[in-house]
Amino acid sequence: MIFVQYGADFPPEQYKGVKKVYSIWICMNPPKNRENTISRYRMTEEHLIGSVSESKENYDLLTVLMVCLGESEGSQGLLRFLDVLLAANTQPEMKKQVLEDECTIPISRSFNQEVSGMCDLSNDVLEKGLHEGIEKGKIEGGKKATVQAIKNLMSNMHRSLEKAMETLGISGTESARYEKLLNEKAGNV
């Protein structure tokens, strides 16, 4: 994010024009110990050898905010607002009611459209995550099935690893990948 500014927001060789970057991460399903927390991470100066000093504005160019949502009943303020707004399993009408009643946000026509958009966004994120998970599961399941087929050919048909993979039509980089998987499995036994 800082590098993108080079040549666009400040001319080459003139780093004084670099603008500070803020990165905000909203974590929907954090570990329990991070639920309903907001943490800030920023750069600081630390002298390891010598004692040169730099102005803070020359090095403190990145701040990361990590907003970890959690159970909405346990959250309040900004955390409650984001949790309600981004919840995939809450209907738009319920979101509007909670935002008006608990967060005291008047729902105007334009805000109503924004809430509906956020509902669509959270549903899209959930759906994308589900599809990615299913695809990853299919790939992992396929790999496990192929590894098992190789093992079965080696054990039951007394074939070498190379012959078993050749029988299954595995060649090139795939054969190296499956050989590595089989070696990892053997090391875990």
C-alpha atoms as a PDB file:
ATOM      1  CA  MET A   1       0.000   0.000   0.000  1.00  0.00           C
ATOM      2  CA  ILE A   2       2.898   2.325   0.647  1.00  0.00           C
ATOM      3  CA  PHE A   3       4.727   1.327  -2.545  1.00  0.00           C
ATOM      4  CA  VAL A   4       1.627   2.039  -4.689  1.00  0.00           C
ATOM      5  CA  GLN A   5       2.081   5.716  -3.815  1.00  0.00           C
ATOM      6  CA  TYR A   6       5.516   5.768  -5.499  1.00  0.00           C
ATOM      7  CA  GLY A   7       5.266   7.889  -8.626  1.00  0.00           C
ATOM      8  CA  ALA A   8       1.527   8.468  -8.126  1.00  0.00           C
ATOM      9  CA  ASP A   9       1.284  10.428  -4.868  1.00  0.00           C
ATOM     10  CA  PHE A  10       4.917  11.494  -4.625  1.00  0.00           C
ATOM     11  CA  PRO A  11       7.612  11.870  -7.276  1.00  0.00           C
ATOM     12  CA  PRO A  12      10.495   9.391  -7.417  1.00  0.00           C
ATOM     13  CA  GLU A  13      13.380  10.173  -5.042  1.00  0.00           C
ATOM     14  CA  GLN A  14      11.194  12.433  -2.867  1.00  0.00           C
ATOM     15  CA  TYR A  15      10.028  10.159  -0.091  1.00  0.00           C
ATOM     16  CA  LYS A  16       8.825  13.025   2.086  1.00  0.00           C
ATOM     17  CA  GLY A  17       5.513  12.825   0.185  1.00  0.00           C
ATOM     18  CA  VAL A  18       4.742   9.279   1.400  1.00  0.00           C
ATOM     19  CA  LYS A  19       1.381   9.188   3.155  1.00  0.00           C
ATOM     20  CA  LYS A  20       0.671   7.048   6.186  1.00  0.00           C
ATOM     21  CA  VAL A  21      -1.347   3.905   5.427  1.00  0.00           C
ATOM     22  CA  TYR A  22      -4.057   2.459   7.653  1.00  0.00           C
ATOM     23  CA  SER A  23      -5.079  -1.134   7.124  1.00  0.00           C
ATOM     24  CA  ILE A  24      -8.252  -2.269   8.886  1.00  0.00           C
ATOM     25  CA  TRP A  25      -8.846  -5.989   9.162  1.00  0.00           C
ATOM     26  CA  ILE A  26     -12.316  -7.112  10.190  1.00  0.00           C
ATOM     27  CA  CYS A  27     -12.122 -10.702  11.403  1.00  0.00           C
ATOM     28  CA  MET A  28     -15.517 -12.379  11.350  1.00  0.00           C
ATOM     29  CA  ASN A  29     -14.649 -15.654  13.114  1.00  0.00           C
ATOM     30  CA  PRO A  30     -11.618 -15.042  15.321  1.00  0.00           C
ATOM     31  CA  PRO A  31     -10.408 -17.460  17.996  1.00  0.00           C
ATOM     32  CA  LYS A  32     -12.433 -17.169  21.237  1.00  0.00           C
ATOM     33  CA  ASN A  33      -9.636 -15.305  23.030  1.00  0.00           C
ATOM     34  CA  ARG A  34      -9.745 -12.530  20.400  1.00  0.00           C
ATOM     35  CA  GLU A  35     -13.540 -12.111  20.164  1.00  0.00           C
ATOM     36  CA  ASN A  36     -14.903  -8.590  20.692  1.00  0.00           C
ATOM     37  CA  THR A  37     -11.488  -6.931  20.615  1.00  0.00           C
ATOM     38  CA  ILE A  38      -9.867  -4.137  18.648  1.00  0.00           C
ATOM     39  CA  SER A  39      -6.057  -4.101  18.510  1.00  0.00           C
ATOM     40  CA  ARG A  40      -3.701  -1.567  16.952  1.00  0.00           C
ATOM     41  CA  TYR A  41      -0.284  -2.436  15.546  1.00  0.00           C
ATOM     42  CA  ARG A  42       2.138   0.277  14.525  1.00  0.00           C
ATOM     43  CA  MET A  43       5.783   0.836  13.797  1.00  0.00           C
ATOM     44  CA  THR A  44       8.192   1.936  16.481  1.00  0.00           C
ATOM     45  CA  GLU A  45      11.865   2.773  16.469  1.00  0.00           C
ATOM     46  CA  GLU A  46      14.249   0.394  18.219  1.00  0.00           C
ATOM     47  CA  HIS A  47      18.014   0.915  18.334  1.00  0.00           C
ATOM     48  CA  LEU A  48      19.888  -2.375  17.983  1.00  0.00           C
ATOM     49  CA  ILE A  49      23.357  -0.966  17.311  1.00  0.00           C
ATOM     50  CA  GLY A  50      24.166   2.692  17.749  1.00  0.00           C
ATOM     51  CA  SER A  51      21.800   5.453  18.771  1.00  0.00           C
ATOM     52  CA  VAL A  52      20.705   7.303  15.648  1.00  0.00           C
ATOM     53  CA  SER A  53      17.290   8.859  15.956  1.00  0.00           C
ATOM     54  CA  GLU A  54      14.695   9.374  13.234  1.00  0.00           C
ATOM     55  CA  SER A  55      11.589  11.553  13.280  1.00  0.00           C
ATOM     56  CA  LYS A  56       8.527   9.417  13.879  1.00  0.00           C
ATOM     57  CA  GLU A  57       6.767  10.737  10.757  1.00  0.00           C
ATOM     58  CA  ASN A  58       9.600   9.276   8.634  1.00  0.00           C
ATOM     59  CA  TYR A  59       9.144   5.678   9.759  1.00  0.00           C
ATOM     60  CA  ASP A  60       5.681   5.345  11.268  1.00  0.00           C
ATOM     61  CA  LEU A  61       3.975   4.866   7.898  1.00  0.00           C
ATOM     62  CA  LEU A  62       1.731   1.894   8.638  1.00  0.00           C
ATOM     63  CA  THR A  63      -0.919   1.255  11.250  1.00  0.00           C
ATOM     64  CA  VAL A  64      -2.966  -1.924  11.278  1.00  0.00           C
ATOM     65  CA  LEU A  65      -6.251  -2.157  13.161  1.00  0.00           C
ATOM     66  CA  MET A  66      -7.541  -5.648  13.802  1.00  0.00           C
ATOM     67  CA  VAL A  67     -11.243  -5.666  14.608  1.00  0.00           C
ATOM     68  CA  CYS A  68     -12.252  -9.118  15.869  1.00  0.00           C
ATOM     69  CA  LEU A  69     -15.971  -9.662  16.033  1.00  0.00           C
ATOM     70  CA  GLY A  70     -17.585 -12.259  18.260  1.00  0.00           C
ATOM     71  CA  GLU A  71     -20.859 -13.269  19.784  1.00  0.00           C
ATOM     72  CA  SER A  72     -23.070 -10.245  19.226  1.00  0.00           C
ATOM     73  CA  GLU A  73     -24.654 -10.555  22.696  1.00  0.00           C
ATOM     74  CA  GLY A  74     -21.259  -9.894  24.268  1.00  0.00           C
ATOM     75  CA  SER A  75     -20.352  -6.962  22.055  1.00  0.00           C
ATOM     76  CA  GLN A  76     -21.166  -3.286  22.301  1.00  0.00           C
ATOM     77  CA  GLY A  77     -20.544  -0.014  20.491  1.00  0.00           C
ATOM     78  CA  LEU A  78     -18.615  -0.306  17.238  1.00  0.00           C
ATOM     79  CA  LEU A  79     -18.193  -4.075  17.674  1.00  0.00           C
ATOM     80  CA  ARG A  80     -21.947  -4.583  18.061  1.00  0.00           C
ATOM     81  CA  PHE A  81     -22.615  -2.315  15.073  1.00  0.00           C
ATOM     82  CA  LEU A  82     -20.214  -4.231  12.787  1.00  0.00           C
ATOM     83  CA  ASP A  83     -21.351  -7.606  14.092  1.00  0.00           C
ATOM     84  CA  VAL A  84     -24.994  -6.819  13.310  1.00  0.00           C
ATOM     85  CA  LEU A  85     -24.237  -5.171   9.982  1.00  0.00           C
ATOM     86  CA  LEU A  86     -21.996  -7.992   8.711  1.00  0.00           C
ATOM     87  CA  ALA A  87     -23.897 -10.976  10.156  1.00  0.00           C
ATOM     88  CA  ALA A  88     -24.702 -13.379   7.330  1.00  0.00           C
ATOM     89  CA  ASN A  89     -27.553 -15.101   9.158  1.00  0.00           C
ATOM     90  CA  THR A  90     -29.505 -11.969  10.167  1.00  0.00           C
ATOM     91  CA  GLN A  91     -32.304 -10.679   7.938  1.00  0.00           C
ATOM     92  CA  PRO A  92     -32.125  -7.046   6.715  1.00  0.00           C
ATOM     93  CA  GLU A  93     -35.236  -6.010   8.673  1.00  0.00           C
ATOM     94  CA  MET A  94     -33.776  -7.375  11.908  1.00  0.00           C
ATOM     95  CA  LYS A  95     -30.471  -5.599  11.206  1.00  0.00           C
ATOM     96  CA  LYS A  96     -32.293  -2.303  10.679  1.00  0.00           C
ATOM     97  CA  GLN A  97     -34.245  -2.743  13.906  1.00  0.00           C
ATOM     98  CA  VAL A  98     -31.130  -3.512  15.971  1.00  0.00           C
ATOM     99  CA  LEU A  99     -29.245  -0.601  14.392  1.00  0.00           C
ATOM    100  CA  GLU A 100     -32.089   1.792  15.195  1.00  0.00           C
ATOM    101  CA  ASP A 101     -32.886   0.473  18.687  1.00  0.00           C
ATOM    102  CA  GLU A 102     -29.478  -0.488  20.093  1.00  0.00           C
ATOM    103  CA  CYS A 103     -27.059   1.623  18.077  1.00  0.00           C
ATOM    104  CA  THR A 104     -29.437   4.611  17.850  1.00  0.00           C
ATOM    105  CA  ILE A 105     -28.805   5.008  14.138  1.00  0.00           C
ATOM    106  CA  PRO A 106     -31.769   6.537  12.295  1.00  0.00           C
ATOM    107  CA  ILE A 107     -32.471   4.495   9.179  1.00  0.00           C
ATOM    108  CA  SER A 108     -32.845   6.872   6.244  1.00  0.00           C
ATOM    109  CA  ARG A 109     -33.701   5.750   2.727  1.00  0.00           C
ATOM    110  CA  SER A 110     -30.059   5.872   1.596  1.00  0.00           C
ATOM    111  CA  PHE A 111     -28.864   4.087   4.756  1.00  0.00           C
ATOM    112  CA  ASN A 112     -31.561   1.469   4.179  1.00  0.00           C
ATOM    113  CA  GLN A 113     -30.046   0.780   0.760  1.00  0.00           C
ATOM    114  CA  GLU A 114     -26.575   0.573   2.299  1.00  0.00           C
ATOM    115  CA  VAL A 115     -27.767  -1.961   4.904  1.00  0.00           C
ATOM    116  CA  SER A 116     -29.337  -4.060   2.146  1.00  0.00           C
ATOM    117  CA  GLY A 117     -26.040  -3.863   0.253  1.00  0.00           C
ATOM    118  CA  MET A 118     -24.127  -4.992   3.342  1.00  0.00           C
ATOM    119  CA  CYS A 119     -26.557  -7.903   3.759  1.00  0.00           C
ATOM    120  CA  ASP A 120     -25.857  -8.908   0.190  1.00  0.00           C
ATOM    121  CA  LEU A 121     -22.115  -8.515   0.784  1.00  0.00           C
ATOM    122  CA  SER A 122     -22.119 -10.694   3.906  1.00  0.00           C
ATOM    123  CA  ASN A 123     -24.176 -13.336   2.090  1.00  0.00           C
ATOM    124  CA  ASP A 124     -21.735 -13.197  -0.842  1.00  0.00           C
ATOM    125  CA  VAL A 125     -18.759 -13.594   1.523  1.00  0.00           C
ATOM    126  CA  LEU A 126     -20.443 -16.550   3.242  1.00  0.00           C
ATOM    127  CA  GLU A 127     -21.375 -18.163  -0.072  1.00  0.00           C
ATOM    128  CA  LYS A 128     -17.874 -17.647  -1.494  1.00  0.00           C
ATOM    129  CA  GLY A 129     -16.345 -19.149   1.654  1.00  0.00           C
ATOM    130  CA  LEU A 130     -18.647 -22.157   1.410  1.00  0.00           C
ATOM    131  CA  HIS A 131     -17.827 -22.700  -2.259  1.00  0.00           C
ATOM    132  CA  GLU A 132     -14.097 -22.359  -1.614  1.00  0.00           C
ATOM    133  CA  GLY A 133     -14.364 -24.803   1.284  1.00  0.00           C
ATOM    134  CA  ILE A 134     -16.274 -27.318  -0.809  1.00  0.00           C
ATOM    135  CA  GLU A 135     -13.771 -27.036  -3.666  1.00  0.00           C
ATOM    136  CA  LYS A 136     -10.833 -27.385  -1.281  1.00  0.00           C
ATOM    137  CA  GLY A 137     -12.525 -30.410   0.277  1.00  0.00           C
ATOM    138  CA  LYS A 138     -13.007 -31.991  -3.140  1.00  0.00           C
ATOM    139  CA  ILE A 139      -9.358 -31.430  -4.012  1.00  0.00           C
ATOM    140  CA  GLU A 140      -8.134 -32.778  -0.659  1.00  0.00           C
ATOM    141  CA  GLY A 141     -10.518 -35.723  -0.883  1.00  0.00           C
ATOM    142  CA  GLY A 142      -9.304 -36.471  -4.402  1.00  0.00           C
ATOM    143  CA  LYS A 143      -5.689 -36.381  -3.242  1.00  0.00           C
ATOM    144  CA  LYS A 144      -6.442 -38.737  -0.334  1.00  0.00           C
ATOM    145  CA  ALA A 145      -8.291 -41.130  -2.639  1.00  0.00           C
ATOM    146  CA  THR A 146      -5.392 -41.136  -5.104  1.00  0.00           C
ATOM    147  CA  VAL A 147      -2.844 -41.719  -2.336  1.00  0.00           C
ATOM    148  CA  GLN A 148      -4.967 -44.620  -1.082  1.00  0.00           C
ATOM    149  CA  ALA A 149      -5.244 -46.045  -4.611  1.00  0.00           C
ATOM    150  CA  ILE A 150      -1.445 -45.894  -4.993  1.00  0.00           C
ATOM    151  CA  LYS A 151      -1.005 -47.637  -1.627  1.00  0.00           C
ATOM    152  CA  ASN A 152      -3.526 -50.333  -2.603  1.00  0.00           C
ATOM    153  CA  LEU A 153      -1.777 -51.018  -5.922  1.00  0.00           C
ATOM    154  CA  MET A 154       1.581 -51.209  -4.174  1.00  0.00           C
ATOM    155  CA  SER A 155       0.288 -53.476  -1.405  1.00  0.00           C
ATOM    156  CA  ASN A 156      -2.264 -55.708  -3.152  1.00  0.00           C
ATOM    157  CA  MET A 157      -0.781 -55.867  -6.648  1.00  0.00           C
ATOM    158  CA  HIS A 158       2.864 -55.756  -5.472  1.00  0.00           C
ATOM    159  CA  ARG A 159       3.708 -52.840  -7.747  1.00  0.00           C
ATOM    160  CA  SER A 160       6.476 -50.328  -7.253  1.00  0.00           C
ATOM    161  CA  LEU A 161       5.558 -46.744  -6.543  1.00  0.00           C
ATOM    162  CA  GLU A 162       6.430 -45.760 -10.115  1.00  0.00           C
ATOM    163  CA  LYS A 163       4.340 -48.607 -11.633  1.00  0.00           C
ATOM    164  CA  ALA A 164       1.383 -47.848  -9.361  1.00  0.00           C
ATOM    165  CA  MET A 165       1.396 -44.196 -10.437  1.00  0.00           C
ATOM    166  CA  GLU A 166       1.838 -45.193 -14.078  1.00  0.00           C
ATOM    167  CA  THR A 167      -1.194 -47.507 -13.778  1.00  0.00           C
ATOM    168  CA  LEU A 168      -3.262 -44.601 -12.424  1.00  0.00           C
ATOM    169  CA  GLY A 169      -2.022 -42.271 -15.172  1.00  0.00           C
ATOM    170  CA  ILE A 170      -0.037 -40.047 -12.827  1.00  0.00           C
ATOM    171  CA  SER A 171       3.054 -38.510 -14.394  1.00  0.00           C
ATOM    172  CA  GLY A 172       5.314 -35.454 -14.381  1.00  0.00           C
ATOM    173  CA  THR A 173       4.964 -32.986 -11.553  1.00  0.00           C
ATOM    174  CA  GLU A 174       1.918 -34.828 -10.221  1.00  0.00           C
ATOM    175  CA  SER A 175       3.989 -37.962  -9.598  1.00  0.00           C
ATOM    176  CA  ALA A 176       6.530 -35.950  -7.602  1.00  0.00           C
ATOM    177  CA  ARG A 177       3.700 -34.380  -5.590  1.00  0.00           C
ATOM    178  CA  TYR A 178       2.146 -37.763  -4.766  1.00  0.00           C
ATOM    179  CA  GLU A 179       5.545 -39.283  -3.939  1.00  0.00           C
ATOM    180  CA  LYS A 180       6.054 -36.424  -1.482  1.00  0.00           C
ATOM    181  CA  LEU A 181       2.559 -36.992   0.011  1.00  0.00           C
ATOM    182  CA  LEU A 182       3.268 -40.718   0.422  1.00  0.00           C
ATOM    183  CA  ASN A 183       6.629 -39.998   2.083  1.00  0.00           C
ATOM    184  CA  GLU A 184       4.951 -37.521   4.474  1.00  0.00           C
ATOM    185  CA  LYS A 185       2.302 -40.115   5.339  1.00  0.00           C
ATOM    186  CA  ALA A 186       4.986 -42.755   5.935  1.00  0.00           C
ATOM    187  CA  GLY A 187       6.848 -40.334   8.228  1.00  0.00           C
ATOM    188  CA  ASN A 188       3.668 -39.739  10.286  1.00  0.00           C
ATOM    189  CA  VAL A 189       3.014 -43.429  10.872  1.00  0.00           C
END
